C-alpha atoms as a PDB file:
ATOM      1  CA  UNK A   1     -10.333   2.485  11.244  1.00  0.00           C
ATOM      2  CA  UNK A   2     -13.390   4.523  11.421  1.00  0.00           C
ATOM      3  CA  UNK A   3     -14.296   7.089   8.918  1.00  0.00           C
ATOM      4  CA  UNK A   4     -14.074   9.858  11.579  1.00  0.00           C
ATOM      5  CA  UNK A   5     -10.661   8.559  12.535  1.00  0.00           C
ATOM      6  CA  UNK A   6      -9.511   8.287   9.011  1.00  0.00           C
ATOM      7  CA  UNK A   7     -10.535  11.699   7.969  1.00  0.00           C
ATOM      8  CA  UNK A   8      -9.219  14.710   9.867  1.00  0.00           C
ATOM      9  CA  UNK A   9     -10.940  17.914   9.791  1.00  0.00           C
ATOM     10  CA  UNK A  10      -9.003  20.419   7.404  1.00  0.00           C
ATOM     11  CA  UNK A  11      -9.486  23.461   5.748  1.00  0.00           C
ATOM     12  CA  UNK A  12      -6.316  23.093   3.364  1.00  0.00           C
ATOM     13  CA  UNK A  13      -7.390  21.971  -0.263  1.00  0.00           C
ATOM     14  CA  UNK A  14      -4.499  20.060  -0.899  1.00  0.00           C
ATOM     15  CA  UNK A  15      -4.906  18.238   2.413  1.00  0.00           C
ATOM     16  CA  UNK A  16      -8.589  17.456   1.738  1.00  0.00           C
ATOM     17  CA  UNK A  17      -8.091  16.032  -1.782  1.00  0.00           C
ATOM     18  CA  UNK A  18      -5.122  13.657  -0.349  1.00  0.00           C
ATOM     19  CA  UNK A  19      -7.426  12.433   2.577  1.00  0.00           C
ATOM     20  CA  UNK A  20      -9.622  11.003  -0.163  1.00  0.00           C
ATOM     21  CA  UNK A  21      -7.335   9.892  -3.008  1.00  0.00           C
ATOM     22  CA  UNK A  22      -4.179   9.624  -0.902  1.00  0.00           C
ATOM     23  CA  UNK A  23      -4.217   5.592  -0.186  1.00  0.00           C
ATOM     24  CA  UNK A  24      -1.636   3.315  -1.371  1.00  0.00           C
ATOM     25  CA  UNK A  25      -3.566   2.280  -4.429  1.00  0.00           C
ATOM     26  CA  UNK A  26      -6.576   4.782  -4.638  1.00  0.00           C
ATOM     27  CA  UNK A  27      -4.952   7.034  -7.366  1.00  0.00           C
ATOM     28  CA  UNK A  28      -4.226   3.748  -9.476  1.00  0.00           C
ATOM     29  CA  UNK A  29      -7.650   2.303  -8.837  1.00  0.00           C
ATOM     30  CA  UNK A  30      -9.421   5.536  -9.932  1.00  0.00           C
ATOM     31  CA  UNK A  31      -7.027   5.663 -12.845  1.00  0.00           C
ATOM     32  CA  UNK A  32      -7.948   2.082 -13.966  1.00  0.00           C
ATOM     33  CA  UNK A  33     -12.007   3.130 -13.515  1.00  0.00           C
ATOM     34  CA  UNK A  34     -11.637   6.265 -15.626  1.00  0.00           C
ATOM     35  CA  UNK A  35     -14.154   5.778 -18.476  1.00  0.00           C
ATOM     36  CA  UNK A  36     -14.939   2.299 -17.671  1.00  0.00           C
ATOM     37  CA  UNK A  37     -16.816  -0.126 -15.301  1.00  0.00           C
ATOM     38  CA  UNK A  38     -14.699  -2.854 -13.769  1.00  0.00           C
ATOM     39  CA  UNK A  39     -14.966  -6.213 -11.929  1.00  0.00           C
ATOM     40  CA  UNK A  40     -12.994  -6.741  -8.619  1.00  0.00           C
ATOM     41  CA  UNK A  41     -11.104  -9.861 -10.524  1.00  0.00           C
ATOM     42  CA  UNK A  42     -10.065  -7.098 -13.291  1.00  0.00           C
ATOM     43  CA  UNK A  43      -8.977  -4.543 -10.982  1.00  0.00           C
ATOM     44  CA  UNK A  44      -7.015  -7.074  -9.186  1.00  0.00           C
ATOM     45  CA  UNK A  45      -5.262  -7.662 -12.201  1.00  0.00           C
ATOM     46  CA  UNK A  46      -4.619  -4.292 -12.831  1.00  0.00           C
ATOM     47  CA  UNK A  47      -3.546  -3.342  -9.526  1.00  0.00           C
ATOM     48  CA  UNK A  48      -1.308  -6.519  -8.806  1.00  0.00           C
ATOM     49  CA  UNK A  49       0.699  -5.202  -5.848  1.00  0.00           C
ATOM     50  CA  UNK A  50      -2.498  -4.619  -3.577  1.00  0.00           C
ATOM     51  CA  UNK A  51      -3.794  -7.812  -1.749  1.00  0.00           C
ATOM     52  CA  UNK A  52      -7.300  -8.672  -2.030  1.00  0.00           C
ATOM     53  CA  UNK A  53      -7.926  -7.386   1.653  1.00  0.00           C
ATOM     54  CA  UNK A  54      -5.982  -3.918   0.820  1.00  0.00           C
ATOM     55  CA  UNK A  55      -8.009  -3.517  -2.522  1.00  0.00           C
ATOM     56  CA  UNK A  56     -11.281  -4.132  -0.871  1.00  0.00           C
ATOM     57  CA  UNK A  57     -10.353  -1.633   1.846  1.00  0.00           C
ATOM     58  CA  UNK A  58      -9.284   0.903  -0.538  1.00  0.00           C
ATOM     59  CA  UNK A  59     -12.399   0.408  -2.913  1.00  0.00           C
ATOM     60  CA  UNK A  60     -14.703   0.861   0.451  1.00  0.00           C
ATOM     61  CA  UNK A  61     -13.035   3.841   1.364  1.00  0.00           C
ATOM     62  CA  UNK A  62     -13.450   5.271  -2.274  1.00  0.00           C
ATOM     63  CA  UNK A  63     -17.068   4.224  -2.126  1.00  0.00           C
ATOM     64  CA  UNK A  64     -17.522   5.910   1.265  1.00  0.00           C
ATOM     65  CA  UNK A  65     -16.282   8.995  -0.038  1.00  0.00           C
ATOM     66  CA  UNK A  66     -18.545   9.048  -2.732  1.00  0.00           C
ATOM     67  CA  UNK A  67     -15.922   8.593  -5.561  1.00  0.00           C
ATOM     68  CA  UNK A  68     -16.906   5.406  -6.851  1.00  0.00           C
ATOM     69  CA  UNK A  69     -20.087   3.198  -6.856  1.00  0.00           C
ATOM     70  CA  UNK A  70     -20.500  -0.569  -6.263  1.00  0.00           C
ATOM     71  CA  UNK A  71     -23.067  -2.413  -8.022  1.00  0.00           C
ATOM     72  CA  UNK A  72     -23.738  -6.124  -6.809  1.00  0.00           C
ATOM     73  CA  UNK A  73     -25.703  -8.310  -9.154  1.00  0.00           C
ATOM     74  CA  UNK A  74     -27.850 -11.121  -7.594  1.00  0.00           C
ATOM     75  CA  UNK A  75     -26.329 -14.076  -9.674  1.00  0.00           C
ATOM     76  CA  UNK A  76     -24.354 -17.090  -8.859  1.00  0.00           C
ATOM     77  CA  UNK A  77     -21.334 -16.565  -8.673  1.00  0.00           C
ATOM     78  CA  UNK A  78     -21.834 -13.254  -7.214  1.00  0.00           C
ATOM     79  CA  UNK A  79     -21.066 -10.171  -9.699  1.00  0.00           C
ATOM     80  CA  UNK A  80     -19.671  -6.954  -8.294  1.00  0.00           C
ATOM     81  CA  UNK A  81     -18.845  -3.991 -10.425  1.00  0.00           C
ATOM     82  CA  UNK A  82     -17.275  -0.726  -9.775  1.00  0.00           C
ATOM     83  CA  UNK A  83     -17.491   2.650 -11.628  1.00  0.00           C
ATOM     84  CA  UNK A  84     -16.688   6.364 -10.974  1.00  0.00           C
ATOM     85  CA  UNK A  85     -19.318   8.615  -9.837  1.00  0.00           C
ATOM     86  CA  UNK A  86     -19.242  12.038 -11.384  1.00  0.00           C
ATOM     87  CA  UNK A  87     -17.419  13.156  -8.358  1.00  0.00           C
ATOM     88  CA  UNK A  88     -14.760  10.311  -8.973  1.00  0.00           C
ATOM     89  CA  UNK A  89     -14.688  11.370 -12.699  1.00  0.00           C
ATOM     90  CA  UNK A  90     -13.776  15.038 -11.765  1.00  0.00           C
ATOM     91  CA  UNK A  91     -10.459  13.999 -10.597  1.00  0.00           C
ATOM     92  CA  UNK A  92      -9.469  12.960 -14.207  1.00  0.00           C
ATOM     93  CA  UNK A  93      -7.236  16.257 -14.564  1.00  0.00           C
ATOM     94  CA  UNK A  94      -5.520  15.455 -11.651  1.00  0.00           C
ATOM     95  CA  UNK A  95      -4.965  11.875 -12.458  1.00  0.00           C
ATOM     96  CA  UNK A  96      -3.664  12.936 -15.830  1.00  0.00           C
ATOM     97  CA  UNK A  97      -1.400  15.610 -14.274  1.00  0.00           C
ATOM     98  CA  UNK A  98       0.098  12.868 -11.874  1.00  0.00           C
ATOM     99  CA  UNK A  99       0.742  10.577 -15.024  1.00  0.00           C
ATOM    100  CA  UNK A 100       2.398  13.187 -16.996  1.00  0.00           C
ATOM    101  CA  UNK A 101       4.435  14.183 -14.014  1.00  0.00           C
ATOM    102  CA  UNK A 102       5.553  10.444 -13.205  1.00  0.00           C
ATOM    103  CA  UNK A 103       6.134   9.676 -17.101  1.00  0.00           C
ATOM    104  CA  UNK A 104       8.508  12.998 -17.338  1.00  0.00           C
ATOM    105  CA  UNK A 105      10.331  12.069 -14.116  1.00  0.00           C
ATOM    106  CA  UNK A 106      10.704   8.382 -15.589  1.00  0.00           C
ATOM    107  CA  UNK A 107      12.291   9.770 -18.731  1.00  0.00           C
ATOM    108  CA  UNK A 108      14.332  12.009 -16.915  1.00  0.00           C
ATOM    109  CA  UNK A 109      15.965   9.148 -15.248  1.00  0.00           C
ATOM    110  CA  UNK A 110      16.376   7.211 -18.542  1.00  0.00           C
ATOM    111  CA  UNK A 111      13.240   5.017 -18.131  1.00  0.00           C
ATOM    112  CA  UNK A 112      10.146   4.510 -19.807  1.00  0.00           C
ATOM    113  CA  UNK A 113       6.719   4.141 -18.230  1.00  0.00           C
ATOM    114  CA  UNK A 114       5.793   0.580 -18.279  1.00  0.00           C
ATOM    115  CA  UNK A 115       2.758  -0.418 -16.207  1.00  0.00           C
ATOM    116  CA  UNK A 116      -1.016  -1.127 -16.149  1.00  0.00           C
ATOM    117  CA  UNK A 117      -1.786   2.674 -16.219  1.00  0.00           C
ATOM    118  CA  UNK A 118      -2.272   3.045 -19.978  1.00  0.00           C
ATOM    119  CA  UNK A 119      -2.557   6.631 -21.046  1.00  0.00           C
ATOM    120  CA  UNK A 120      -4.940   7.842 -23.696  1.00  0.00           C
ATOM    121  CA  UNK A 121      -2.890  10.174 -25.966  1.00  0.00           C
ATOM    122  CA  UNK A 122      -5.938  11.957 -26.660  1.00  0.00           C
ATOM    123  CA  UNK A 123      -7.362  12.921 -23.139  1.00  0.00           C
ATOM    124  CA  UNK A 124      -6.395  16.529 -23.320  1.00  0.00           C
ATOM    125  CA  UNK A 125      -5.100  19.149 -25.319  1.00  0.00           C
ATOM    126  CA  UNK A 126      -1.649  18.767 -23.654  1.00  0.00           C
ATOM    127  CA  UNK A 127      -1.352  15.065 -24.651  1.00  0.00           C
ATOM    128  CA  UNK A 128      -2.502  16.012 -28.322  1.00  0.00           C
ATOM    129  CA  UNK A 129       0.420  18.356 -28.801  1.00  0.00           C
ATOM    130  CA  UNK A 130       2.905  15.495 -27.775  1.00  0.00           C
END
C-alpha cells in the first residue's frame, strides 16, 4: 500500500495519532524500543505474534512516519538496529497510559498482565505511587 493511500488527510488529532501508531503491532514495537536499541531478531522474539513480513512492514511504516530509525551495518551477516527518534520517544506517555489502562482492565477481569511488555515501575509519577 502506498504511503499516500495509507494515510488519509485528517484534522482530527486522535485520528492523526492513530494513523501512525494504529497498526496491528506498532504500539507493541514502539513499547519494546522505549529506551533501547534492538535488532530485528530480538524484536521478533518480543513480538512473537507478528510474522517476519508483518513486522518488517510495520517497522518500515514507523520509519516512514519518522518514529524510528533503522541503522544498517556493513558486516556479514548483515546487522540492522532500530531505535526511536525524538518524535517516537514523545509517544512514551501515550504508551504508558495504554499499559496502565490495559493492566487495570485485565485486573478487573481477574487477570494479571503476562506478556513481553514489561513495565518500568519508575517511569512516571503515577507509577511511583503504585
